[in-house]
């Protein structure tokens, strides 16, 4: 996943999408955190693939992950995507779970991640 996402070719997004989706749901936190970073890289290559593939929603779900490293990488990826998109929110994201509007549970999870 890491190597494939580093190849800055638009066609690579087609080959990366399915394995990346599986990696984002993997049981190993190292795989999930690496996959979260790969989503941001893929966004810069092919934003439509990320938005249409539901990757933004998966990243937002990872903000509530039990592993603090996964949480921090998901937040970092979303922030990077937000910078690249140049808008106040993340296009295609669930408006009820936008970066600007954290639910109490998400805030609690993020604060716990900071403590670890």
Foldseek 3Di string as FASTA:
>chain_A
DLVLLVPQALVSLVVVLPVLVVQCVDPDLVSNLSSLLSLLSNCVRPVVSCLVSCVLQSLLVQLLPPALSNNVSSVVSLVSQCVVVVDPWHPNYDPCRTPVDHDPSSVVSNVVSVVD
